[in-house]
Each structure stands twice: as C-alpha cells, then as structure tokens.
Amino acid sequence: MSILVLGILLWVLPHLFKRLAPRRHLMMMPQAKAMVAALVGVGVVLMIVGYRMSGPQENLYDPLPGMGHANNTLMLIAIYLFGVGSTRSVLIDKIRHPMLTGMVLWSVAHLLVNGDPASVLMFGSLGLWAVLEMVLINRAGPWKKPKPGSFKGDIKNLIGTLLIYGLIAWVHILLGHNPFLGTYP
C-alpha cells in the first residue's frame, strides 16, 4: 500500500501547491514546472502499480447488487465532463469546475463498486482532493465565465467520450474487471 500512498501524494501535493502557493507556482521556471509534471506522471504510474499490487483484500463494505450499472452511467457523465473545457461544450459557461466535478463522479462511481481498502484509499483520496481543489479555487476569487460554447463542441465531446469510454472499458476487461457484468466480482 505504501506505493499507492506515494502515488497519491505525488498527485495531490503538486496540485495543491498550485492552489496554496499560487505566486510561487507562477514564478517557477518552465524546467521546474516540467519536473513537477513528470512527478505527477510518476504518481499516476505508482497509483496504478500500487493499486494492482494490493491484491485481494477483505472488503470494508460490500457493494450493492447492480451498482456496476450505476458505475457505468456515472463514468459516461464523468468522462463527458472531463471534455467540456477542451471541446467548448455548451456547459463551459455553466459549470465552474467540469473536470473536478468529473473527478468526483469518477471517484464515487468506483466507490460504488469497490469496497476493498486499496479502492477506498485511492478513489476516496482523489475524490476528496477534487472537492478540496474546488473549495480552494472558489475561495481564491470570483469566477470569470468563459465565452459560451456550442453544440458543435458537444458533438465532438460526445464522440470523444464514447471513444474514451470504450477504451477504458476494454482495458478494464483486459485486467479482468468487465464493467458490463453489472457488479464487479
């Protein structure tokens, strides 16, 4: 679990640094920002490796039957929200934190179907991090709404969402967790 914890820390701490010390973050040289980005990338790899290494564990809670379907629906919405900003969706000026909201939904979706300690640690930590980020951003100042998006952006986002969802489902199937069975084993 220590590899998983290290991965979570390498994700959370650099992201929080940007919010807790914005002036220092802005003064960082491009090389330092690249190094921080690399550390975040290493954190993602360590989370994956640490999670996979955790192996079978006794559940802290048992997921309810059929929660796999709720997971799938929430994941479609989460992936869609991740793409709102980059595709200039009509939601871009209506939701202040689409990516972070997507991250919270991703976290909740996975907690619905996974009750083991490693899952609770990883998905719970990242969900709490996303909520904390939203609070810190909101406290930093008022929202400067972007220009409204278009339905063309929504169509691009929908296509991208379906492709990414399909890729994610395929990887989960390869790893032995078929998301279309209704509830994870």
N, C-alpha and C. Protein backbone atom coordinates (compact mmCIF):
# COMPACT_ATOMS: atom_id res chain seq x y z
N MET A 1 0.83 -1.21 0.00
CA MET A 1 0.00 0.00 0.00
C MET A 1 0.86 1.26 0.00
N SER A 2 2.12 1.13 0.42
CA SER A 2 2.97 2.32 0.50
C SER A 2 3.23 2.91 -0.89
N ILE A 3 3.31 2.06 -1.91
CA ILE A 3 3.49 2.57 -3.27
C ILE A 3 2.24 3.34 -3.70
N LEU A 4 1.09 2.83 -3.35
CA LEU A 4 -0.17 3.51 -3.66
C LEU A 4 -0.23 4.87 -2.96
N VAL A 5 0.12 4.90 -1.69
CA VAL A 5 0.10 6.16 -0.92
C VAL A 5 1.08 7.16 -1.53
N LEU A 6 2.28 6.70 -1.90
CA LEU A 6 3.26 7.60 -2.52
C LEU A 6 2.72 8.16 -3.84
N GLY A 7 2.07 7.32 -4.63
CA GLY A 7 1.47 7.78 -5.88
C GLY A 7 0.40 8.83 -5.64
N ILE A 8 -0.44 8.60 -4.65
CA ILE A 8 -1.50 9.57 -4.32
C ILE A 8 -0.87 10.90 -3.90
N LEU A 9 0.16 10.83 -3.07
CA LEU A 9 0.84 12.06 -2.61
C LEU A 9 1.48 12.81 -3.78
N LEU A 10 2.08 12.07 -4.72
CA LEU A 10 2.71 12.72 -5.88
C LEU A 10 1.66 13.34 -6.81
N TRP A 11 0.43 12.93 -6.71
CA TRP A 11 -0.65 13.56 -7.46
C TRP A 11 -1.20 14.77 -6.70
N VAL A 12 -1.52 14.56 -5.45
CA VAL A 12 -2.24 15.56 -4.67
C VAL A 12 -1.36 16.77 -4.32
N LEU A 13 -0.16 16.54 -3.82
CA LEU A 13 0.67 17.64 -3.33
C LEU A 13 1.02 18.68 -4.40
N PRO A 14 1.49 18.26 -5.59
CA PRO A 14 1.76 19.29 -6.61
C PRO A 14 0.52 20.06 -7.04
N HIS A 15 -0.62 19.37 -7.11
CA HIS A 15 -1.85 20.06 -7.48
C HIS A 15 -2.26 21.06 -6.39
N LEU A 16 -2.10 20.68 -5.14
CA LEU A 16 -2.45 21.60 -4.05
C LEU A 16 -1.46 22.76 -3.97
N PHE A 17 -0.19 22.51 -4.28
CA PHE A 17 0.82 23.57 -4.25
C PHE A 17 0.40 24.73 -5.15
N LYS A 18 -0.12 24.39 -6.30
CA LYS A 18 -0.58 25.40 -7.26
C LYS A 18 -1.67 26.28 -6.65
N ARG A 19 -2.51 25.71 -5.78
CA ARG A 19 -3.60 26.46 -5.16
C ARG A 19 -3.18 27.16 -3.87
N LEU A 20 -2.31 26.50 -3.10
CA LEU A 20 -1.91 27.05 -1.80
C LEU A 20 -0.80 28.09 -1.90
N ALA A 21 0.01 28.00 -2.95
CA ALA A 21 1.10 28.97 -3.15
C ALA A 21 1.10 29.43 -4.61
N PRO A 22 0.04 30.11 -5.05
CA PRO A 22 -0.07 30.47 -6.47
C PRO A 22 1.05 31.38 -6.96
N ARG A 23 1.53 32.29 -6.10
CA ARG A 23 2.60 33.20 -6.54
C ARG A 23 3.88 32.42 -6.80
N ARG A 24 4.20 31.52 -5.90
CA ARG A 24 5.41 30.70 -6.09
C ARG A 24 5.26 29.82 -7.32
N HIS A 25 4.07 29.31 -7.52
CA HIS A 25 3.84 28.47 -8.69
C HIS A 25 4.06 29.26 -9.97
N LEU A 26 3.56 30.49 -10.01
CA LEU A 26 3.73 31.32 -11.21
C LEU A 26 5.19 31.68 -11.45
N MET A 27 5.98 31.79 -10.37
CA MET A 27 7.38 32.18 -10.50
C MET A 27 8.28 30.99 -10.85
N MET A 28 7.74 29.79 -10.87
CA MET A 28 8.55 28.62 -11.19
C MET A 28 9.05 28.70 -12.63
N MET A 29 10.27 28.29 -12.83
CA MET A 29 10.85 28.25 -14.18
C MET A 29 10.16 27.12 -14.96
N PRO A 30 10.12 27.24 -16.28
CA PRO A 30 9.49 26.18 -17.08
C PRO A 30 10.09 24.79 -16.82
N GLN A 31 11.39 24.73 -16.54
CA GLN A 31 12.02 23.43 -16.27
C GLN A 31 11.45 22.84 -14.98
N ALA A 32 11.23 23.69 -13.97
CA ALA A 32 10.67 23.21 -12.70
C ALA A 32 9.24 22.74 -12.90
N LYS A 33 8.47 23.46 -13.71
CA LYS A 33 7.10 23.04 -13.99
C LYS A 33 7.08 21.70 -14.72
N ALA A 34 8.03 21.51 -15.63
CA ALA A 34 8.14 20.24 -16.35
C ALA A 34 8.50 19.11 -15.38
N MET A 35 9.36 19.40 -14.42
CA MET A 35 9.74 18.39 -13.43
C MET A 35 8.54 18.02 -12.55
N VAL A 36 7.78 19.02 -12.15
CA VAL A 36 6.58 18.76 -11.34
C VAL A 36 5.59 17.93 -12.15
N ALA A 37 5.42 18.26 -13.43
CA ALA A 37 4.51 17.48 -14.28
C ALA A 37 4.99 16.03 -14.39
N ALA A 38 6.30 15.84 -14.50
CA ALA A 38 6.85 14.49 -14.55
C ALA A 38 6.58 13.74 -13.25
N LEU A 39 6.72 14.44 -12.11
CA LEU A 39 6.44 13.80 -10.82
C LEU A 39 4.98 13.39 -10.72
N VAL A 40 4.08 14.22 -11.23
CA VAL A 40 2.66 13.88 -11.23
C VAL A 40 2.44 12.63 -12.09
N GLY A 41 3.10 12.58 -13.24
CA GLY A 41 3.02 11.40 -14.10
C GLY A 41 3.53 10.15 -13.40
N VAL A 42 4.64 10.27 -12.69
CA VAL A 42 5.17 9.15 -11.91
C VAL A 42 4.15 8.76 -10.84
N GLY A 43 3.49 9.76 -10.25
CA GLY A 43 2.47 9.48 -9.26
C GLY A 43 1.34 8.64 -9.82
N VAL A 44 0.90 8.94 -11.03
CA VAL A 44 -0.16 8.17 -11.67
C VAL A 44 0.29 6.72 -11.86
N VAL A 45 1.52 6.55 -12.35
CA VAL A 45 2.06 5.19 -12.54
C VAL A 45 2.13 4.46 -11.20
N LEU A 46 2.61 5.13 -10.16
CA LEU A 46 2.71 4.50 -8.84
C LEU A 46 1.34 4.14 -8.28
N MET A 47 0.33 4.99 -8.54
CA MET A 47 -1.02 4.65 -8.09
C MET A 47 -1.51 3.37 -8.76
N ILE A 48 -1.28 3.28 -10.06
CA ILE A 48 -1.72 2.08 -10.80
C ILE A 48 -0.98 0.84 -10.30
N VAL A 49 0.34 0.95 -10.19
CA VAL A 49 1.15 -0.19 -9.73
C VAL A 49 0.79 -0.55 -8.29
N GLY A 50 0.70 0.45 -7.43
CA GLY A 50 0.37 0.19 -6.03
C GLY A 50 -1.01 -0.42 -5.86
N TYR A 51 -1.96 0.05 -6.65
CA TYR A 51 -3.32 -0.49 -6.59
C TYR A 51 -3.33 -1.94 -7.05
N ARG A 52 -2.64 -2.22 -8.15
CA ARG A 52 -2.59 -3.59 -8.68
C ARG A 52 -1.85 -4.53 -7.73
N MET A 53 -0.84 -4.00 -7.03
CA MET A 53 -0.06 -4.82 -6.10
C MET A 53 -0.81 -5.11 -4.80
N SER A 54 -1.84 -4.34 -4.51
CA SER A 54 -2.53 -4.51 -3.23
C SER A 54 -3.21 -5.88 -3.13
N GLY A 55 -3.52 -6.48 -4.27
CA GLY A 55 -4.09 -7.83 -4.26
C GLY A 55 -5.43 -7.91 -3.59
N PRO A 56 -5.94 -9.13 -3.46
CA PRO A 56 -7.25 -9.31 -2.82
C PRO A 56 -7.19 -8.94 -1.33
N GLN A 57 -8.20 -8.22 -0.90
CA GLN A 57 -8.29 -7.80 0.50
C GLN A 57 -9.73 -7.96 0.95
N GLU A 58 -9.91 -8.06 2.25
CA GLU A 58 -11.27 -8.15 2.78
C GLU A 58 -11.94 -6.79 2.60
N ASN A 59 -13.14 -6.82 2.09
CA ASN A 59 -13.88 -5.57 1.85
C ASN A 59 -14.21 -4.84 3.14
N LEU A 60 -14.14 -3.51 3.08
CA LEU A 60 -14.61 -2.68 4.18
C LEU A 60 -16.14 -2.61 4.13
N TYR A 61 -16.69 -2.74 2.93
CA TYR A 61 -18.14 -2.81 2.72
C TYR A 61 -18.37 -3.59 1.44
N ASP A 62 -19.55 -4.19 1.32
CA ASP A 62 -19.90 -4.94 0.12
C ASP A 62 -20.76 -4.07 -0.78
N PRO A 63 -20.34 -3.90 -2.04
CA PRO A 63 -21.16 -3.11 -2.97
C PRO A 63 -22.54 -3.74 -3.15
N LEU A 64 -23.53 -2.91 -3.32
CA LEU A 64 -24.89 -3.39 -3.55
C LEU A 64 -24.99 -4.02 -4.94
N PRO A 65 -25.85 -5.00 -5.11
CA PRO A 65 -26.03 -5.61 -6.43
C PRO A 65 -26.48 -4.56 -7.46
N GLY A 66 -25.97 -4.68 -8.65
CA GLY A 66 -26.37 -3.78 -9.73
C GLY A 66 -25.65 -2.45 -9.77
N MET A 67 -24.73 -2.22 -8.85
CA MET A 67 -24.03 -0.93 -8.81
C MET A 67 -23.09 -0.75 -10.00
N GLY A 68 -22.77 -1.84 -10.68
CA GLY A 68 -21.95 -1.73 -11.88
C GLY A 68 -22.64 -0.88 -12.94
N HIS A 69 -23.95 -0.98 -13.00
CA HIS A 69 -24.70 -0.17 -13.98
C HIS A 69 -24.66 1.30 -13.59
N ALA A 70 -24.77 1.58 -12.30
CA ALA A 70 -24.65 2.97 -11.83
C ALA A 70 -23.25 3.49 -12.12
N ASN A 71 -22.26 2.63 -11.90
CA ASN A 71 -20.87 3.00 -12.19
C ASN A 71 -20.72 3.39 -13.66
N ASN A 72 -21.25 2.56 -14.54
CA ASN A 72 -21.12 2.83 -15.98
C ASN A 72 -21.76 4.16 -16.37
N THR A 73 -22.93 4.43 -15.83
CA THR A 73 -23.61 5.69 -16.14
C THR A 73 -22.83 6.88 -15.61
N LEU A 74 -22.38 6.79 -14.36
CA LEU A 74 -21.59 7.88 -13.78
C LEU A 74 -20.28 8.08 -14.54
N MET A 75 -19.68 6.99 -15.00
CA MET A 75 -18.43 7.11 -15.75
C MET A 75 -18.64 7.82 -17.09
N LEU A 76 -19.73 7.53 -17.77
CA LEU A 76 -20.03 8.25 -19.02
C LEU A 76 -20.15 9.75 -18.76
N ILE A 77 -20.85 10.11 -17.70
CA ILE A 77 -21.02 11.52 -17.35
C ILE A 77 -19.69 12.14 -16.96
N ALA A 78 -18.89 11.41 -16.17
CA ALA A 78 -17.59 11.92 -15.72
C ALA A 78 -16.67 12.19 -16.90
N ILE A 79 -16.59 11.24 -17.83
CA ILE A 79 -15.73 11.41 -19.00
C ILE A 79 -16.22 12.59 -19.84
N TYR A 80 -17.53 12.72 -19.97
CA TYR A 80 -18.08 13.85 -20.71
C TYR A 80 -17.66 15.17 -20.06
N LEU A 81 -17.75 15.24 -18.74
CA LEU A 81 -17.38 16.47 -18.02
C LEU A 81 -15.89 16.78 -18.18
N PHE A 82 -15.05 15.75 -18.25
CA PHE A 82 -13.61 15.99 -18.46
C PHE A 82 -13.38 16.74 -19.77
N GLY A 83 -14.23 16.50 -20.77
CA GLY A 83 -14.01 17.11 -22.08
C GLY A 83 -14.72 18.43 -22.32
N VAL A 84 -15.51 18.90 -21.36
CA VAL A 84 -16.31 20.12 -21.55
C VAL A 84 -15.44 21.32 -21.93
N GLY A 85 -14.34 21.53 -21.24
CA GLY A 85 -13.49 22.70 -21.50
C GLY A 85 -12.76 22.63 -22.81
N SER A 86 -12.21 21.47 -23.13
CA SER A 86 -11.39 21.38 -24.35
C SER A 86 -12.23 21.36 -25.62
N THR A 87 -13.49 20.98 -25.54
CA THR A 87 -14.33 20.96 -26.73
C THR A 87 -15.26 22.16 -26.83
N ARG A 88 -15.19 23.05 -25.83
CA ARG A 88 -16.03 24.25 -25.79
C ARG A 88 -17.52 23.88 -25.86
N SER A 89 -17.91 22.94 -25.03
CA SER A 89 -19.29 22.48 -24.92
C SER A 89 -20.20 23.62 -24.45
N VAL A 90 -21.50 23.44 -24.61
CA VAL A 90 -22.44 24.46 -24.13
C VAL A 90 -22.40 24.56 -22.60
N LEU A 91 -21.84 23.59 -21.94
CA LEU A 91 -21.75 23.63 -20.48
C LEU A 91 -20.56 24.44 -19.97
N ILE A 92 -19.69 24.88 -20.87
CA ILE A 92 -18.44 25.53 -20.45
C ILE A 92 -18.68 26.77 -19.59
N ASP A 93 -19.75 27.48 -19.84
CA ASP A 93 -20.01 28.68 -19.04
C ASP A 93 -21.10 28.45 -17.99
N LYS A 94 -21.46 27.18 -17.78
CA LYS A 94 -22.49 26.86 -16.81
C LYS A 94 -21.97 26.07 -15.61
N ILE A 95 -20.87 25.37 -15.79
CA ILE A 95 -20.26 24.59 -14.70
C ILE A 95 -18.85 25.12 -14.48
N ARG A 96 -18.59 25.62 -13.27
CA ARG A 96 -17.30 26.24 -13.00
C ARG A 96 -16.16 25.22 -13.01
N HIS A 97 -16.39 24.03 -12.54
CA HIS A 97 -15.32 23.03 -12.41
C HIS A 97 -15.71 21.71 -13.08
N PRO A 98 -15.84 21.69 -14.41
CA PRO A 98 -16.30 20.45 -15.04
C PRO A 98 -15.33 19.28 -14.84
N MET A 99 -14.03 19.52 -14.95
CA MET A 99 -13.08 18.41 -14.79
C MET A 99 -13.06 17.89 -13.35
N LEU A 100 -13.06 18.79 -12.40
CA LEU A 100 -13.05 18.37 -11.00
C LEU A 100 -14.37 17.69 -10.62
N THR A 101 -15.47 18.18 -11.17
CA THR A 101 -16.76 17.53 -10.95
C THR A 101 -16.73 16.13 -11.55
N GLY A 102 -16.14 16.01 -12.73
CA GLY A 102 -15.97 14.69 -13.35
C GLY A 102 -15.11 13.77 -12.48
N MET A 103 -14.09 14.34 -11.86
CA MET A 103 -13.22 13.55 -10.98
C MET A 103 -14.00 13.05 -9.76
N VAL A 104 -14.86 13.89 -9.20
CA VAL A 104 -15.68 13.47 -8.06
C VAL A 104 -16.62 12.35 -8.50
N LEU A 105 -17.24 12.49 -9.66
CA LEU A 105 -18.14 11.44 -10.15
C LEU A 105 -17.38 10.14 -10.41
N TRP A 106 -16.16 10.26 -10.97
CA TRP A 106 -15.31 9.09 -11.21
C TRP A 106 -15.03 8.38 -9.89
N SER A 107 -14.71 9.16 -8.88
CA SER A 107 -14.41 8.60 -7.56
C SER A 107 -15.63 7.90 -6.97
N VAL A 108 -16.77 8.57 -6.97
CA VAL A 108 -18.00 8.00 -6.42
C VAL A 108 -18.38 6.73 -7.19
N ALA A 109 -18.27 6.78 -8.52
CA ALA A 109 -18.61 5.61 -9.34
C ALA A 109 -17.79 4.40 -8.93
N HIS A 110 -16.51 4.60 -8.71
CA HIS A 110 -15.65 3.48 -8.34
C HIS A 110 -15.86 3.03 -6.90
N LEU A 111 -16.22 3.95 -6.02
CA LEU A 111 -16.51 3.55 -4.64
C LEU A 111 -17.83 2.76 -4.55
N LEU A 112 -18.73 2.97 -5.50
CA LEU A 112 -19.98 2.21 -5.53
C LEU A 112 -19.73 0.73 -5.80
N VAL A 113 -18.67 0.41 -6.54
CA VAL A 113 -18.44 -0.98 -6.95
C VAL A 113 -17.21 -1.62 -6.31
N ASN A 114 -16.46 -0.87 -5.53
CA ASN A 114 -15.25 -1.40 -4.91
C ASN A 114 -15.23 -1.05 -3.43
N GLY A 115 -15.24 -2.06 -2.57
CA GLY A 115 -15.25 -1.81 -1.13
C GLY A 115 -13.97 -2.21 -0.43
N ASP A 116 -12.94 -2.58 -1.19
CA ASP A 116 -11.68 -3.01 -0.58
C ASP A 116 -10.87 -1.79 -0.11
N PRO A 117 -9.96 -1.98 0.85
CA PRO A 117 -9.20 -0.85 1.40
C PRO A 117 -8.39 -0.06 0.35
N ALA A 118 -7.77 -0.73 -0.61
CA ALA A 118 -6.99 -0.01 -1.61
C ALA A 118 -7.88 0.90 -2.45
N SER A 119 -9.07 0.41 -2.81
CA SER A 119 -10.01 1.22 -3.60
C SER A 119 -10.51 2.41 -2.80
N VAL A 120 -10.87 2.16 -1.55
CA VAL A 120 -11.36 3.25 -0.71
C VAL A 120 -10.29 4.31 -0.54
N LEU A 121 -9.03 3.86 -0.34
CA LEU A 121 -7.92 4.80 -0.19
C LEU A 121 -7.72 5.61 -1.47
N MET A 122 -7.60 4.94 -2.60
CA MET A 122 -7.30 5.65 -3.85
C MET A 122 -8.46 6.51 -4.33
N PHE A 123 -9.63 5.89 -4.52
CA PHE A 123 -10.74 6.64 -5.08
C PHE A 123 -11.27 7.68 -4.09
N GLY A 124 -11.28 7.32 -2.81
CA GLY A 124 -11.71 8.28 -1.79
C GLY A 124 -10.77 9.47 -1.70
N SER A 125 -9.46 9.22 -1.71
CA SER A 125 -8.47 10.30 -1.64
C SER A 125 -8.58 11.25 -2.83
N LEU A 126 -8.69 10.67 -4.01
CA LEU A 126 -8.76 11.52 -5.21
C LEU A 126 -10.08 12.28 -5.28
N GLY A 127 -11.16 11.68 -4.81
CA GLY A 127 -12.43 12.41 -4.75
C GLY A 127 -12.37 13.56 -3.76
N LEU A 128 -11.80 13.30 -2.60
CA LEU A 128 -11.64 14.38 -1.60
C LEU A 128 -10.71 15.47 -2.12
N TRP A 129 -9.64 15.07 -2.82
CA TRP A 129 -8.74 16.07 -3.40
C TRP A 129 -9.50 16.98 -4.36
N ALA A 130 -10.35 16.40 -5.21
CA ALA A 130 -11.10 17.21 -6.19
C ALA A 130 -12.03 18.19 -5.49
N VAL A 131 -12.70 17.75 -4.43
CA VAL A 131 -13.58 18.65 -3.68
C VAL A 131 -12.76 19.77 -3.05
N LEU A 132 -11.61 19.44 -2.45
CA LEU A 132 -10.74 20.45 -1.84
C LEU A 132 -10.25 21.45 -2.88
N GLU A 133 -9.89 20.98 -4.06
CA GLU A 133 -9.47 21.88 -5.15
C GLU A 133 -10.59 22.87 -5.49
N MET A 134 -11.82 22.37 -5.59
CA MET A 134 -12.94 23.26 -5.92
C MET A 134 -13.11 24.32 -4.84
N VAL A 135 -13.01 23.92 -3.59
CA VAL A 135 -13.16 24.87 -2.48
C VAL A 135 -12.05 25.93 -2.56
N LEU A 136 -10.81 25.50 -2.78
CA LEU A 136 -9.69 26.45 -2.83
C LEU A 136 -9.81 27.40 -4.01
N ILE A 137 -10.23 26.89 -5.15
CA ILE A 137 -10.41 27.74 -6.33
C ILE A 137 -11.53 28.75 -6.08
N ASN A 138 -12.63 28.29 -5.50
CA ASN A 138 -13.75 29.19 -5.22
C ASN A 138 -13.37 30.28 -4.23
N ARG A 139 -12.54 29.95 -3.26
CA ARG A 139 -12.12 30.93 -2.25
C ARG A 139 -11.12 31.93 -2.83
N ALA A 140 -10.44 31.56 -3.91
CA ALA A 140 -9.41 32.43 -4.49
C ALA A 140 -10.00 33.65 -5.20
N GLY A 141 -11.25 33.58 -5.59
CA GLY A 141 -11.85 34.72 -6.26
C GLY A 141 -13.07 34.33 -7.06
N PRO A 142 -13.76 35.35 -7.59
CA PRO A 142 -14.98 35.08 -8.36
C PRO A 142 -14.65 34.40 -9.69
N TRP A 143 -15.63 33.72 -10.22
CA TRP A 143 -15.48 33.00 -11.48
C TRP A 143 -15.60 33.97 -12.64
N LYS A 144 -14.61 33.97 -13.50
CA LYS A 144 -14.69 34.73 -14.75
C LYS A 144 -15.19 33.76 -15.81
N LYS A 145 -16.47 33.85 -16.09
CA LYS A 145 -17.09 32.90 -17.01
C LYS A 145 -16.46 32.98 -18.40
N PRO A 146 -16.18 31.82 -18.99
CA PRO A 146 -15.69 31.82 -20.38
C PRO A 146 -16.82 32.13 -21.35
N LYS A 147 -16.44 32.40 -22.58
CA LYS A 147 -17.46 32.62 -23.62
C LYS A 147 -18.30 31.36 -23.77
N PRO A 148 -19.58 31.52 -24.10
CA PRO A 148 -20.44 30.34 -24.26
C PRO A 148 -19.91 29.39 -25.33
N GLY A 149 -20.16 28.11 -25.11
CA GLY A 149 -19.75 27.09 -26.06
C GLY A 149 -20.83 26.84 -27.09
N SER A 150 -20.65 25.78 -27.86
CA SER A 150 -21.60 25.48 -28.94
C SER A 150 -21.97 24.00 -28.93
N PHE A 151 -23.05 23.69 -29.65
CA PHE A 151 -23.46 22.29 -29.78
C PHE A 151 -22.44 21.51 -30.60
N LYS A 152 -21.69 22.19 -31.45
CA LYS A 152 -20.61 21.53 -32.19
C LYS A 152 -19.59 20.96 -31.20
N GLY A 153 -19.31 21.73 -30.16
CA GLY A 153 -18.41 21.26 -29.11
C GLY A 153 -18.99 20.05 -28.39
N ASP A 154 -20.31 20.06 -28.18
CA ASP A 154 -20.96 18.91 -27.53
C ASP A 154 -20.87 17.65 -28.39
N ILE A 155 -21.02 17.81 -29.68
CA ILE A 155 -20.94 16.64 -30.59
C ILE A 155 -19.52 16.07 -30.53
N LYS A 156 -18.51 16.95 -30.62
CA LYS A 156 -17.11 16.49 -30.51
C LYS A 156 -16.88 15.80 -29.17
N ASN A 157 -17.40 16.39 -28.12
CA ASN A 157 -17.22 15.83 -26.78
C ASN A 157 -17.91 14.47 -26.66
N LEU A 158 -19.10 14.35 -27.21
CA LEU A 158 -19.82 13.08 -27.15
C LEU A 158 -19.07 11.98 -27.88
N ILE A 159 -18.56 12.29 -29.06
CA ILE A 159 -17.78 11.30 -29.82
C ILE A 159 -16.53 10.90 -29.03
N GLY A 160 -15.82 11.90 -28.52
CA GLY A 160 -14.63 11.62 -27.72
C GLY A 160 -14.95 10.82 -26.48
N THR A 161 -16.06 11.16 -25.82
CA THR A 161 -16.48 10.45 -24.61
C THR A 161 -16.72 8.97 -24.91
N LEU A 162 -17.44 8.69 -25.99
CA LEU A 162 -17.73 7.30 -26.33
C LEU A 162 -16.46 6.52 -26.69
N LEU A 163 -15.54 7.17 -27.41
CA LEU A 163 -14.28 6.51 -27.75
C LEU A 163 -13.43 6.23 -26.50
N ILE A 164 -13.32 7.21 -25.63
CA ILE A 164 -12.52 7.04 -24.42
C ILE A 164 -13.18 6.02 -23.49
N TYR A 165 -14.50 6.08 -23.37
CA TYR A 165 -15.22 5.12 -22.54
C TYR A 165 -14.98 3.70 -23.06
N GLY A 166 -15.05 3.53 -24.36
CA GLY A 166 -14.79 2.21 -24.96
C GLY A 166 -13.38 1.73 -24.67
N LEU A 167 -12.41 2.62 -24.77
CA LEU A 167 -11.02 2.27 -24.48
C LEU A 167 -10.85 1.88 -23.00
N ILE A 168 -11.45 2.67 -22.12
CA ILE A 168 -11.37 2.38 -20.68
C ILE A 168 -12.03 1.03 -20.37
N ALA A 169 -13.19 0.78 -20.96
CA ALA A 169 -13.89 -0.50 -20.73
C ALA A 169 -13.03 -1.66 -21.24
N TRP A 170 -12.41 -1.49 -22.40
CA TRP A 170 -11.55 -2.54 -22.97
C TRP A 170 -10.38 -2.85 -22.04
N VAL A 171 -9.73 -1.81 -21.52
CA VAL A 171 -8.61 -2.01 -20.58
C VAL A 171 -9.10 -2.72 -19.32
N HIS A 172 -10.25 -2.31 -18.80
CA HIS A 172 -10.79 -2.98 -17.61
C HIS A 172 -11.08 -4.46 -17.89
N ILE A 173 -11.61 -4.76 -19.07
CA ILE A 173 -11.87 -6.16 -19.44
C ILE A 173 -10.55 -6.93 -19.51
N LEU A 174 -9.53 -6.33 -20.12
CA LEU A 174 -8.21 -6.99 -20.18
C LEU A 174 -7.66 -7.27 -18.79
N LEU A 175 -7.95 -6.39 -17.84
CA LEU A 175 -7.45 -6.55 -16.48
C LEU A 175 -8.34 -7.47 -15.63
N GLY A 176 -9.41 -8.01 -16.24
CA GLY A 176 -10.26 -8.96 -15.54
C GLY A 176 -11.44 -8.34 -14.81
N HIS A 177 -11.78 -7.10 -15.12
CA HIS A 177 -12.92 -6.42 -14.47
C HIS A 177 -13.87 -5.93 -15.55
N ASN A 178 -14.74 -6.81 -16.01
CA ASN A 178 -15.69 -6.45 -17.06
C ASN A 178 -16.75 -5.51 -16.48
N PRO A 179 -16.75 -4.23 -16.91
CA PRO A 179 -17.71 -3.28 -16.35
C PRO A 179 -19.14 -3.51 -16.81
N PHE A 180 -19.35 -4.42 -17.74
CA PHE A 180 -20.70 -4.64 -18.27
C PHE A 180 -21.41 -5.83 -17.61
N LEU A 181 -20.81 -6.39 -16.57
CA LEU A 181 -21.44 -7.53 -15.89
C LEU A 181 -22.43 -7.09 -14.82
N GLY A 182 -22.51 -5.81 -14.51
CA GLY A 182 -23.49 -5.33 -13.55
C GLY A 182 -22.89 -4.98 -12.21
N THR A 183 -22.08 -5.86 -11.67
CA THR A 183 -21.38 -5.61 -10.41
C THR A 183 -20.03 -6.28 -10.51
N TYR A 184 -19.02 -5.60 -10.04
CA TYR A 184 -17.68 -6.19 -10.09
C TYR A 184 -17.62 -7.39 -9.15
N PRO A 185 -16.82 -8.40 -9.53
CA PRO A 185 -16.70 -9.58 -8.67
C PRO A 185 -16.01 -9.25 -7.36
